[in-house]
């Protein structure tokens, strides 16, 4: 689970966001959202809908902090909390 989340965060928030940053500035946050949301297709609707505002927030944090690590750590924490409460 964690290696998958790491790859997801590294490729989409790290590589893609920062690769687009120089050319598109803050718009890279929105541009990078499209493939991220597409990866959520097939998951519950509430998860798809929540990935938009939460994803924007995580992207903003990554963009301003110039690192995908805070978003990765938070994403792992959220996944583990949700898994715990869903399986509880």
Protein backbone atom coordinates (compact mmCIF):
# COMPACT_ATOMS: atom_id res chain seq x y z
CA UNK A 1 0.00 0.00 0.00
CA UNK A 2 2.68 2.50 1.00
CA UNK A 3 4.86 1.86 -2.10
CA UNK A 4 1.81 2.46 -4.30
CA UNK A 5 1.01 5.72 -2.50
CA UNK A 6 4.64 6.76 -2.77
CA UNK A 7 4.67 6.13 -6.52
CA UNK A 8 1.35 7.95 -6.92
CA UNK A 9 2.53 10.98 -4.95
CA UNK A 10 6.00 11.04 -6.50
CA UNK A 11 4.78 10.83 -10.09
CA UNK A 12 1.72 13.05 -9.86
CA UNK A 13 2.55 15.57 -7.15
CA UNK A 14 6.30 15.45 -7.44
CA UNK A 15 7.27 14.85 -11.06
CA UNK A 16 4.21 16.22 -12.88
CA UNK A 17 3.44 19.19 -10.60
CA UNK A 18 7.01 20.41 -10.45
CA UNK A 19 7.62 19.60 -14.11
CA UNK A 20 4.73 21.88 -15.07
CA UNK A 21 5.55 24.53 -12.45
CA UNK A 22 8.08 26.55 -14.44
CA UNK A 23 5.88 26.91 -17.51
CA UNK A 24 2.40 27.17 -15.97
CA UNK A 25 3.12 28.58 -12.47
CA UNK A 26 0.09 28.16 -10.14
CA UNK A 27 -2.03 26.77 -13.01
CA UNK A 28 0.10 23.61 -12.75
CA UNK A 29 -1.91 22.81 -9.62
CA UNK A 30 -5.14 22.60 -11.67
CA UNK A 31 -3.56 20.94 -14.72
CA UNK A 32 -2.06 18.20 -12.60
CA UNK A 33 -5.45 17.46 -11.02
CA UNK A 34 -6.94 15.83 -14.15
CA UNK A 35 -4.86 12.61 -14.18
CA UNK A 36 -5.09 12.41 -10.40
CA UNK A 37 -8.91 12.46 -10.46
CA UNK A 38 -8.97 9.96 -13.34
CA UNK A 39 -7.05 7.49 -11.18
CA UNK A 40 -9.88 7.64 -8.64
CA UNK A 41 -12.45 6.33 -11.15
CA UNK A 42 -13.86 3.08 -9.85
CA UNK A 43 -13.61 4.11 -6.21
CA UNK A 44 -16.64 5.17 -4.14
CA UNK A 45 -18.22 8.46 -5.27
CA UNK A 46 -17.53 10.20 -1.98
CA UNK A 47 -13.83 9.41 -2.39
CA UNK A 48 -13.81 10.80 -5.93
CA UNK A 49 -15.57 13.98 -4.82
CA UNK A 50 -13.29 14.45 -1.82
CA UNK A 51 -10.14 13.97 -3.88
CA UNK A 52 -10.82 17.26 -5.65
CA UNK A 53 -10.76 19.71 -2.69
CA UNK A 54 -8.26 17.64 -0.70
CA UNK A 55 -6.09 17.20 -3.78
CA UNK A 56 -6.10 20.94 -4.40
CA UNK A 57 -5.06 21.53 -0.81
CA UNK A 58 -2.28 18.90 -0.98
CA UNK A 59 -1.07 20.29 -4.31
CA UNK A 60 -0.99 23.80 -2.90
CA UNK A 61 1.06 22.59 0.08
CA UNK A 62 3.44 20.71 -2.22
CA UNK A 63 3.69 23.68 -4.57
CA UNK A 64 4.45 26.20 -1.83
CA UNK A 65 6.70 23.84 0.12
CA UNK A 66 8.51 22.68 -3.03
CA UNK A 67 8.23 19.06 -1.90
CA UNK A 68 5.74 16.22 -2.28
CA UNK A 69 6.70 14.71 1.12
CA UNK A 70 4.10 16.54 3.28
CA UNK A 71 1.34 15.44 0.89
CA UNK A 72 2.67 11.87 0.85
CA UNK A 73 2.82 11.61 4.64
CA UNK A 74 -0.66 13.08 5.03
CA UNK A 75 -2.06 10.80 2.31
CA UNK A 76 -0.61 7.72 4.05
CA UNK A 77 -2.05 8.87 7.38
CA UNK A 78 -5.53 9.40 5.87
CA UNK A 79 -5.49 6.01 4.13
CA UNK A 80 -4.51 4.19 7.32
CA UNK A 81 -7.13 6.04 9.40
CA UNK A 82 -9.87 5.29 6.84
CA UNK A 83 -8.82 1.62 6.60
CA UNK A 84 -8.91 1.35 10.39
CA UNK A 85 -12.39 2.88 10.75
CA UNK A 86 -13.88 1.06 7.74
CA UNK A 87 -12.61 -2.31 9.01
CA UNK A 88 -13.52 -1.54 12.64
